[in-house]
C-alpha atoms as a PDB file:
ATOM      1  CA  UNK A   1      -1.545  27.743  -2.269  1.00  0.00           C
ATOM      2  CA  UNK A   2       1.020  30.073  -0.747  1.00  0.00           C
ATOM      3  CA  UNK A   3       4.253  28.552  -2.023  1.00  0.00           C
ATOM      4  CA  UNK A   4       5.222  27.071   1.328  1.00  0.00           C
ATOM      5  CA  UNK A   5       6.407  23.565   2.178  1.00  0.00           C
ATOM      6  CA  UNK A   6       4.698  22.719   5.473  1.00  0.00           C
ATOM      7  CA  UNK A   7       6.227  20.277   7.923  1.00  0.00           C
ATOM      8  CA  UNK A   8       3.336  18.041   8.982  1.00  0.00           C
ATOM      9  CA  UNK A   9       4.538  17.071  12.440  1.00  0.00           C
ATOM     10  CA  UNK A  10       3.342  15.378  15.629  1.00  0.00           C
ATOM     11  CA  UNK A  11       2.855  12.063  13.850  1.00  0.00           C
ATOM     12  CA  UNK A  12       4.893  10.457  16.646  1.00  0.00           C
ATOM     13  CA  UNK A  13       7.272   8.536  14.373  1.00  0.00           C
ATOM     14  CA  UNK A  14       8.872   8.662  10.941  1.00  0.00           C
ATOM     15  CA  UNK A  15       6.265   7.181   8.600  1.00  0.00           C
ATOM     16  CA  UNK A  16       7.130   4.598   5.972  1.00  0.00           C
ATOM     17  CA  UNK A  17       3.679   4.514   4.360  1.00  0.00           C
ATOM     18  CA  UNK A  18       1.619   7.668   4.016  1.00  0.00           C
ATOM     19  CA  UNK A  19      -1.954   7.986   2.679  1.00  0.00           C
ATOM     20  CA  UNK A  20      -3.194  11.578   2.195  1.00  0.00           C
ATOM     21  CA  UNK A  21      -6.694  12.776   1.263  1.00  0.00           C
ATOM     22  CA  UNK A  22      -8.164  16.253   0.975  1.00  0.00           C
ATOM     23  CA  UNK A  23     -11.255  16.591   3.182  1.00  0.00           C
ATOM     24  CA  UNK A  24     -12.705  19.902   2.057  1.00  0.00           C
ATOM     25  CA  UNK A  25     -12.260  19.711  -1.719  1.00  0.00           C
ATOM     26  CA  UNK A  26     -12.442  17.070  -4.444  1.00  0.00           C
ATOM     27  CA  UNK A  27      -9.040  15.399  -4.475  1.00  0.00           C
ATOM     28  CA  UNK A  28      -7.407  12.058  -5.135  1.00  0.00           C
ATOM     29  CA  UNK A  29      -6.190   9.615  -2.502  1.00  0.00           C
ATOM     30  CA  UNK A  30      -2.386   9.811  -2.690  1.00  0.00           C
ATOM     31  CA  UNK A  31      -0.046   7.102  -1.360  1.00  0.00           C
ATOM     32  CA  UNK A  32       3.670   7.487  -0.655  1.00  0.00           C
ATOM     33  CA  UNK A  33       6.188   5.110   0.884  1.00  0.00           C
ATOM     34  CA  UNK A  34       9.810   5.156   1.972  1.00  0.00           C
ATOM     35  CA  UNK A  35      10.850   2.151  -0.138  1.00  0.00           C
ATOM     36  CA  UNK A  36       9.928   3.886  -3.387  1.00  0.00           C
ATOM     37  CA  UNK A  37      11.183   7.120  -1.836  1.00  0.00           C
ATOM     38  CA  UNK A  38       9.660  10.589  -1.587  1.00  0.00           C
ATOM     39  CA  UNK A  39      11.054  11.610  -4.988  1.00  0.00           C
ATOM     40  CA  UNK A  40       9.337   8.663  -6.722  1.00  0.00           C
ATOM     41  CA  UNK A  41       6.011  10.425  -6.435  1.00  0.00           C
ATOM     42  CA  UNK A  42       2.564   9.218  -5.450  1.00  0.00           C
ATOM     43  CA  UNK A  43       0.180   6.454  -6.426  1.00  0.00           C
ATOM     44  CA  UNK A  44      -3.526   7.241  -6.744  1.00  0.00           C
ATOM     45  CA  UNK A  45      -5.573   4.756  -4.734  1.00  0.00           C
ATOM     46  CA  UNK A  46      -8.822   5.717  -6.463  1.00  0.00           C
ATOM     47  CA  UNK A  47      -7.432   5.215  -9.976  1.00  0.00           C
ATOM     48  CA  UNK A  48      -5.255   2.996 -12.133  1.00  0.00           C
ATOM     49  CA  UNK A  49      -2.581   5.620 -12.883  1.00  0.00           C
ATOM     50  CA  UNK A  50       1.129   4.893 -12.878  1.00  0.00           C
ATOM     51  CA  UNK A  51       3.311   6.824 -10.440  1.00  0.00           C
ATOM     52  CA  UNK A  52       2.660  10.575 -10.494  1.00  0.00           C
ATOM     53  CA  UNK A  53       6.010  12.326 -10.483  1.00  0.00           C
ATOM     54  CA  UNK A  54       4.776  15.905 -10.947  1.00  0.00           C
ATOM     55  CA  UNK A  55       6.165  18.078  -8.169  1.00  0.00           C
ATOM     56  CA  UNK A  56       2.711  18.859  -6.778  1.00  0.00           C
ATOM     57  CA  UNK A  57       1.978  15.159  -6.285  1.00  0.00           C
ATOM     58  CA  UNK A  58       5.188  14.303  -4.410  1.00  0.00           C
ATOM     59  CA  UNK A  59       6.065  14.917  -0.810  1.00  0.00           C
ATOM     60  CA  UNK A  60       9.385  16.620  -0.189  1.00  0.00           C
ATOM     61  CA  UNK A  61      10.643  14.166   2.427  1.00  0.00           C
ATOM     62  CA  UNK A  62       9.815  11.776   5.240  1.00  0.00           C
ATOM     63  CA  UNK A  63      10.848  13.302   8.571  1.00  0.00           C
ATOM     64  CA  UNK A  64      11.498  11.976  12.082  1.00  0.00           C
ATOM     65  CA  UNK A  65       8.087  13.138  13.330  1.00  0.00           C
ATOM     66  CA  UNK A  66       6.087  13.387  10.102  1.00  0.00           C
ATOM     67  CA  UNK A  67       6.639  14.571   6.550  1.00  0.00           C
ATOM     68  CA  UNK A  68       7.128  17.714   4.470  1.00  0.00           C
ATOM     69  CA  UNK A  69       4.448  18.425   1.876  1.00  0.00           C
ATOM     70  CA  UNK A  70       5.351  19.984  -1.492  1.00  0.00           C
ATOM     71  CA  UNK A  71       5.354  23.723  -2.103  1.00  0.00           C
ATOM     72  CA  UNK A  72       3.249  23.291  -5.256  1.00  0.00           C
ATOM     73  CA  UNK A  73      -0.520  23.105  -5.023  1.00  0.00           C
ATOM     74  CA  UNK A  74      -1.953  19.675  -5.788  1.00  0.00           C
ATOM     75  CA  UNK A  75      -3.894  16.936  -4.062  1.00  0.00           C
ATOM     76  CA  UNK A  76      -1.830  17.296  -0.871  1.00  0.00           C
ATOM     77  CA  UNK A  77      -1.178  21.011  -0.312  1.00  0.00           C
ATOM     78  CA  UNK A  78      -4.023  23.262  -1.432  1.00  0.00           C
ATOM     79  CA  UNK A  79      -3.932  26.479   0.556  1.00  0.00           C
ATOM     80  CA  UNK A  80      -6.705  26.750   3.153  1.00  0.00           C
ATOM     81  CA  UNK A  81      -7.961  23.194   2.651  1.00  0.00           C
ATOM     82  CA  UNK A  82      -8.166  20.486   5.318  1.00  0.00           C
ATOM     83  CA  UNK A  83      -6.514  17.081   4.898  1.00  0.00           C
ATOM     84  CA  UNK A  84      -6.229  13.741   6.637  1.00  0.00           C
ATOM     85  CA  UNK A  85      -3.044  11.647   6.613  1.00  0.00           C
ATOM     86  CA  UNK A  86      -2.923   8.003   7.697  1.00  0.00           C
ATOM     87  CA  UNK A  87       0.612   6.906   8.576  1.00  0.00           C
ATOM     88  CA  UNK A  88       2.197   3.491   9.065  1.00  0.00           C
ATOM     89  CA  UNK A  89       5.612   2.717  10.549  1.00  0.00           C
ATOM     90  CA  UNK A  90       7.595   0.086   8.686  1.00  0.00           C
ATOM     91  CA  UNK A  91      11.209  -0.779   9.287  1.00  0.00           C
ATOM     92  CA  UNK A  92      12.865   2.364   7.982  1.00  0.00           C
ATOM     93  CA  UNK A  93      15.388   2.055   5.167  1.00  0.00           C
ATOM     94  CA  UNK A  94      14.743  -0.793   2.748  1.00  0.00           C
ATOM     95  CA  UNK A  95      16.820  -3.964   2.766  1.00  0.00           C
ATOM     96  CA  UNK A  96      17.206  -6.686   0.158  1.00  0.00           C
ATOM     97  CA  UNK A  97      15.078  -9.828   0.390  1.00  0.00           C
ATOM     98  CA  UNK A  98      15.756 -12.941  -1.693  1.00  0.00           C
ATOM     99  CA  UNK A  99      13.153 -15.302  -0.199  1.00  0.00           C
ATOM    100  CA  UNK A 100      11.130 -15.367  -3.441  1.00  0.00           C
ATOM    101  CA  UNK A 101      11.730 -16.026  -7.128  1.00  0.00           C
ATOM    102  CA  UNK A 102      12.016 -12.274  -7.673  1.00  0.00           C
ATOM    103  CA  UNK A 103      14.234 -10.187  -5.386  1.00  0.00           C
ATOM    104  CA  UNK A 104      12.525  -7.439  -3.387  1.00  0.00           C
ATOM    105  CA  UNK A 105      13.476  -4.358  -1.434  1.00  0.00           C
ATOM    106  CA  UNK A 106      11.521  -4.387   1.834  1.00  0.00           C
ATOM    107  CA  UNK A 107      10.786  -2.230   4.863  1.00  0.00           C
ATOM    108  CA  UNK A 108       9.220  -4.417   7.539  1.00  0.00           C
ATOM    109  CA  UNK A 109       7.610  -3.917  10.930  1.00  0.00           C
ATOM    110  CA  UNK A 110       7.184  -7.481  12.190  1.00  0.00           C
ATOM    111  CA  UNK A 111       5.698  -6.343  15.526  1.00  0.00           C
ATOM    112  CA  UNK A 112       2.895  -4.499  13.723  1.00  0.00           C
ATOM    113  CA  UNK A 113       2.433  -7.093  10.957  1.00  0.00           C
ATOM    114  CA  UNK A 114       3.110  -4.661   8.110  1.00  0.00           C
ATOM    115  CA  UNK A 115       5.593  -4.539   5.245  1.00  0.00           C
ATOM    116  CA  UNK A 116       6.344  -2.635   2.048  1.00  0.00           C
ATOM    117  CA  UNK A 117       8.084  -4.409  -0.818  1.00  0.00           C
ATOM    118  CA  UNK A 118       9.113  -3.403  -4.324  1.00  0.00           C
ATOM    119  CA  UNK A 119      10.115  -5.674  -7.194  1.00  0.00           C
ATOM    120  CA  UNK A 120      10.674  -5.678 -10.951  1.00  0.00           C
ATOM    121  CA  UNK A 121       8.490  -7.908 -13.120  1.00  0.00           C
ATOM    122  CA  UNK A 122      10.213 -10.712 -15.013  1.00  0.00           C
ATOM    123  CA  UNK A 123       7.612 -12.711 -16.907  1.00  0.00           C
ATOM    124  CA  UNK A 124       9.163 -15.793 -18.548  1.00  0.00           C
ATOM    125  CA  UNK A 125       6.113 -17.870 -19.400  1.00  0.00           C
ATOM    126  CA  UNK A 126       2.806 -18.755 -17.811  1.00  0.00           C
ATOM    127  CA  UNK A 127       4.310 -19.308 -14.370  1.00  0.00           C
ATOM    128  CA  UNK A 128       3.363 -17.743 -11.065  1.00  0.00           C
ATOM    129  CA  UNK A 129       6.318 -16.121  -9.308  1.00  0.00           C
ATOM    130  CA  UNK A 130       6.913 -15.452  -5.622  1.00  0.00           C
ATOM    131  CA  UNK A 131       8.232 -12.365  -3.857  1.00  0.00           C
ATOM    132  CA  UNK A 132       9.515 -12.050  -0.294  1.00  0.00           C
ATOM    133  CA  UNK A 133       7.438  -9.853   2.011  1.00  0.00           C
ATOM    134  CA  UNK A 134       9.760  -9.970   5.040  1.00  0.00           C
ATOM    135  CA  UNK A 135       7.099 -10.724   7.654  1.00  0.00           C
ATOM    136  CA  UNK A 136       7.207 -13.606  10.142  1.00  0.00           C
ATOM    137  CA  UNK A 137       3.627 -14.658   9.441  1.00  0.00           C
ATOM    138  CA  UNK A 138       1.383 -15.142   6.426  1.00  0.00           C
ATOM    139  CA  UNK A 139      -0.264 -11.890   5.348  1.00  0.00           C
ATOM    140  CA  UNK A 140      -4.037 -11.777   5.715  1.00  0.00           C
ATOM    141  CA  UNK A 141      -4.132  -9.301   2.860  1.00  0.00           C
ATOM    142  CA  UNK A 142      -1.670  -7.936   0.334  1.00  0.00           C
ATOM    143  CA  UNK A 143      -2.083  -5.120  -2.159  1.00  0.00           C
ATOM    144  CA  UNK A 144      -0.141  -4.921  -5.439  1.00  0.00           C
ATOM    145  CA  UNK A 145       0.213  -1.916  -7.762  1.00  0.00           C
ATOM    146  CA  UNK A 146       2.026  -1.558 -11.075  1.00  0.00           C
ATOM    147  CA  UNK A 147       4.062   1.635 -10.786  1.00  0.00           C
ATOM    148  CA  UNK A 148       5.039   1.773 -14.453  1.00  0.00           C
ATOM    149  CA  UNK A 149       1.702   1.335 -16.227  1.00  0.00           C
ATOM    150  CA  UNK A 150      -1.927   2.282 -15.647  1.00  0.00           C
ATOM    151  CA  UNK A 151      -3.230  -0.932 -14.051  1.00  0.00           C
ATOM    152  CA  UNK A 152      -5.709  -1.882 -11.335  1.00  0.00           C
ATOM    153  CA  UNK A 153      -4.726  -2.153  -7.702  1.00  0.00           C
ATOM    154  CA  UNK A 154      -5.005  -5.863  -6.878  1.00  0.00           C
ATOM    155  CA  UNK A 155      -6.086  -6.660  -3.311  1.00  0.00           C
ATOM    156  CA  UNK A 156      -5.622 -10.324  -2.393  1.00  0.00           C
ATOM    157  CA  UNK A 157      -7.035 -12.044   0.690  1.00  0.00           C
ATOM    158  CA  UNK A 158      -8.190 -15.473   1.841  1.00  0.00           C
ATOM    159  CA  UNK A 159     -10.250 -14.230   4.807  1.00  0.00           C
ATOM    160  CA  UNK A 160     -13.547 -14.096   2.895  1.00  0.00           C
ATOM    161  CA  UNK A 161     -14.172 -17.771   2.193  1.00  0.00           C
ATOM    162  CA  UNK A 162     -10.870 -19.529   2.938  1.00  0.00           C
ATOM    163  CA  UNK A 163      -9.559 -19.502  -0.637  1.00  0.00           C
ATOM    164  CA  UNK A 164      -7.693 -16.618  -2.219  1.00  0.00           C
ATOM    165  CA  UNK A 165      -9.887 -13.872  -3.661  1.00  0.00           C
ATOM    166  CA  UNK A 166      -9.079 -10.564  -5.266  1.00  0.00           C
ATOM    167  CA  UNK A 167     -10.697  -7.144  -5.229  1.00  0.00           C
ATOM    168  CA  UNK A 168      -9.749  -3.901  -6.928  1.00  0.00           C
ATOM    169  CA  UNK A 169      -8.894  -1.064  -4.558  1.00  0.00           C
ATOM    170  CA  UNK A 170      -9.835   1.441  -7.264  1.00  0.00           C
ATOM    171  CA  UNK A 171     -13.138  -0.157  -8.272  1.00  0.00           C
ATOM    172  CA  UNK A 172     -16.583  -0.903  -6.871  1.00  0.00           C
ATOM    173  CA  UNK A 173     -16.528  -4.443  -8.317  1.00  0.00           C
ATOM    174  CA  UNK A 174     -17.390  -7.441  -6.167  1.00  0.00           C
ATOM    175  CA  UNK A 175     -14.649  -9.957  -5.409  1.00  0.00           C
ATOM    176  CA  UNK A 176     -13.303 -12.492  -7.865  1.00  0.00           C
ATOM    177  CA  UNK A 177     -11.563 -15.834  -7.333  1.00  0.00           C
ATOM    178  CA  UNK A 178      -7.791 -15.926  -7.767  1.00  0.00           C
ATOM    179  CA  UNK A 179      -6.187 -19.096  -9.100  1.00  0.00           C
ATOM    180  CA  UNK A 180      -2.616 -17.845  -8.714  1.00  0.00           C
ATOM    181  CA  UNK A 181      -2.135 -15.577  -5.709  1.00  0.00           C
ATOM    182  CA  UNK A 182      -1.089 -17.329  -2.481  1.00  0.00           C
ATOM    183  CA  UNK A 183       0.593 -16.142   0.699  1.00  0.00           C
ATOM    184  CA  UNK A 184       2.968 -18.030   2.994  1.00  0.00           C
ATOM    185  CA  UNK A 185       5.001 -17.012   6.041  1.00  0.00           C
ATOM    186  CA  UNK A 186       7.806 -15.799   3.774  1.00  0.00           C
ATOM    187  CA  UNK A 187       6.433 -14.971   0.306  1.00  0.00           C
ATOM    188  CA  UNK A 188       3.449 -13.769  -1.692  1.00  0.00           C
ATOM    189  CA  UNK A 189       2.782 -15.499  -5.008  1.00  0.00           C
ATOM    190  CA  UNK A 190       1.833 -13.119  -7.793  1.00  0.00           C
ATOM    191  CA  UNK A 191       0.257 -13.608 -11.221  1.00  0.00           C
ATOM    192  CA  UNK A 192       1.405 -13.583 -14.818  1.00  0.00           C
ATOM    193  CA  UNK A 193       2.332 -10.998 -17.439  1.00  0.00           C
ATOM    194  CA  UNK A 194      -0.988  -9.200 -17.751  1.00  0.00           C
ATOM    195  CA  UNK A 195      -1.358  -8.507 -14.039  1.00  0.00           C
ATOM    196  CA  UNK A 196       1.542  -8.375 -11.607  1.00  0.00           C
ATOM    197  CA  UNK A 197       4.600  -9.616 -13.466  1.00  0.00           C
ATOM    198  CA  UNK A 198       5.005  -7.595 -16.674  1.00  0.00           C
ATOM    199  CA  UNK A 199       8.659  -7.848 -17.629  1.00  0.00           C
ATOM    200  CA  UNK A 200      10.568  -4.705 -16.744  1.00  0.00           C
ATOM    201  CA  UNK A 201       7.663  -3.043 -14.928  1.00  0.00           C
ATOM    202  CA  UNK A 202       8.120  -1.794 -11.374  1.00  0.00           C
ATOM    203  CA  UNK A 203       5.698  -2.818  -8.605  1.00  0.00           C
ATOM    204  CA  UNK A 204       4.977  -2.092  -4.956  1.00  0.00           C
ATOM    205  CA  UNK A 205       3.301  -4.475  -2.486  1.00  0.00           C
ATOM    206  CA  UNK A 206       1.753  -3.618   0.884  1.00  0.00           C
ATOM    207  CA  UNK A 207       1.228  -6.669   3.146  1.00  0.00           C
ATOM    208  CA  UNK A 208      -0.689  -6.873   6.442  1.00  0.00           C
ATOM    209  CA  UNK A 209      -1.608  -9.495   9.019  1.00  0.00           C
ATOM    210  CA  UNK A 210      -3.595  -9.169  12.222  1.00  0.00           C
ATOM    211  CA  UNK A 211      -1.701  -8.437  15.443  1.00  0.00           C
ATOM    212  CA  UNK A 212      -3.547  -8.439  18.775  1.00  0.00           C
ATOM    213  CA  UNK A 213      -4.122  -4.910  19.989  1.00  0.00           C
ATOM    214  CA  UNK A 214      -2.515  -3.272  16.942  1.00  0.00           C
ATOM    215  CA  UNK A 215      -4.386  -4.085  13.752  1.00  0.00           C
ATOM    216  CA  UNK A 216      -7.165  -6.395  12.640  1.00  0.00           C
ATOM    217  CA  UNK A 217      -7.882  -7.812   9.186  1.00  0.00           C
ATOM    218  CA  UNK A 218     -11.293  -9.465   9.071  1.00  0.00           C
ATOM    219  CA  UNK A 219     -14.751  -9.581   7.559  1.00  0.00           C
ATOM    220  CA  UNK A 220     -18.340  -9.093   8.657  1.00  0.00           C
ATOM    221  CA  UNK A 221     -21.793  -9.744   7.259  1.00  0.00           C
ATOM    222  CA  UNK A 222     -24.151  -6.810   6.844  1.00  0.00           C
ATOM    223  CA  UNK A 223     -27.512  -6.903   8.623  1.00  0.00           C
ATOM    224  CA  UNK A 224     -29.159  -3.738   7.317  1.00  0.00           C
ATOM    225  CA  UNK A 225     -29.167  -2.508  10.906  1.00  0.00           C
ATOM    226  CA  UNK A 226     -26.594  -2.108  13.626  1.00  0.00           C
ATOM    227  CA  UNK A 227     -23.832  -4.730  13.743  1.00  0.00           C
ATOM    228  CA  UNK A 228     -21.072  -5.219  16.289  1.00  0.00           C
ATOM    229  CA  UNK A 229     -17.769  -5.879  14.527  1.00  0.00           C
ATOM    230  CA  UNK A 230     -15.239  -7.358  16.971  1.00  0.00           C
ATOM    231  CA  UNK A 231     -11.632  -6.203  16.566  1.00  0.00           C
ATOM    232  CA  UNK A 232     -10.224  -6.928  20.032  1.00  0.00           C
ATOM    233  CA  UNK A 233      -9.395  -3.252  20.613  1.00  0.00           C
ATOM    234  CA  UNK A 234     -10.855   0.195  20.024  1.00  0.00           C
ATOM    235  CA  UNK A 235      -9.840   1.322  16.526  1.00  0.00           C
ATOM    236  CA  UNK A 236      -8.306   4.770  16.132  1.00  0.00           C
END
């Protein structure tokens, strides 16, 4: 830690979702996105924590060709340590979306099949609510995190066995069956008060669907030996 705020450049675009991990020291996986904003802080992918707003766990800004890391030492700017940053391009500044029961703010890249959405929980009984994701196609997977409270990351997908399942991003647990989450071409359906619709709590949702030559959401069965997993392109 030398008190500097490095400009991490040569990304090739202004990122809207950023995932940073220290490679040479024990650190948390930190996620940032442009819809919540740089000042909102990070979310820890390997834990249940609410948003971390301490200065050492926030980036300074998203830039045209990358991002500026904080001057304070933390999970994303330890002096002399090596890091990796995975970056996704959304649609830039967030816009309002009223396709669902609950209004969202979304940044959407329809060509890449990726969107970021935020919403405020409004539980009014044992009823599943919908939120607009902004994409033109049904997401193959969507990830929901409570920003206000310490809660699991819910990962929903129907690619495993045709019905909607959930996994926890922050846990080693096997999948479970979801009776409430559903995706359509315009909305994701979320659960009730104890999961993804606590009244007054803030949430973020990352949605993805496969796009030929850009990204692939799929599954494979382990063999205990070598296995060829077809994606249609060479992954970076």
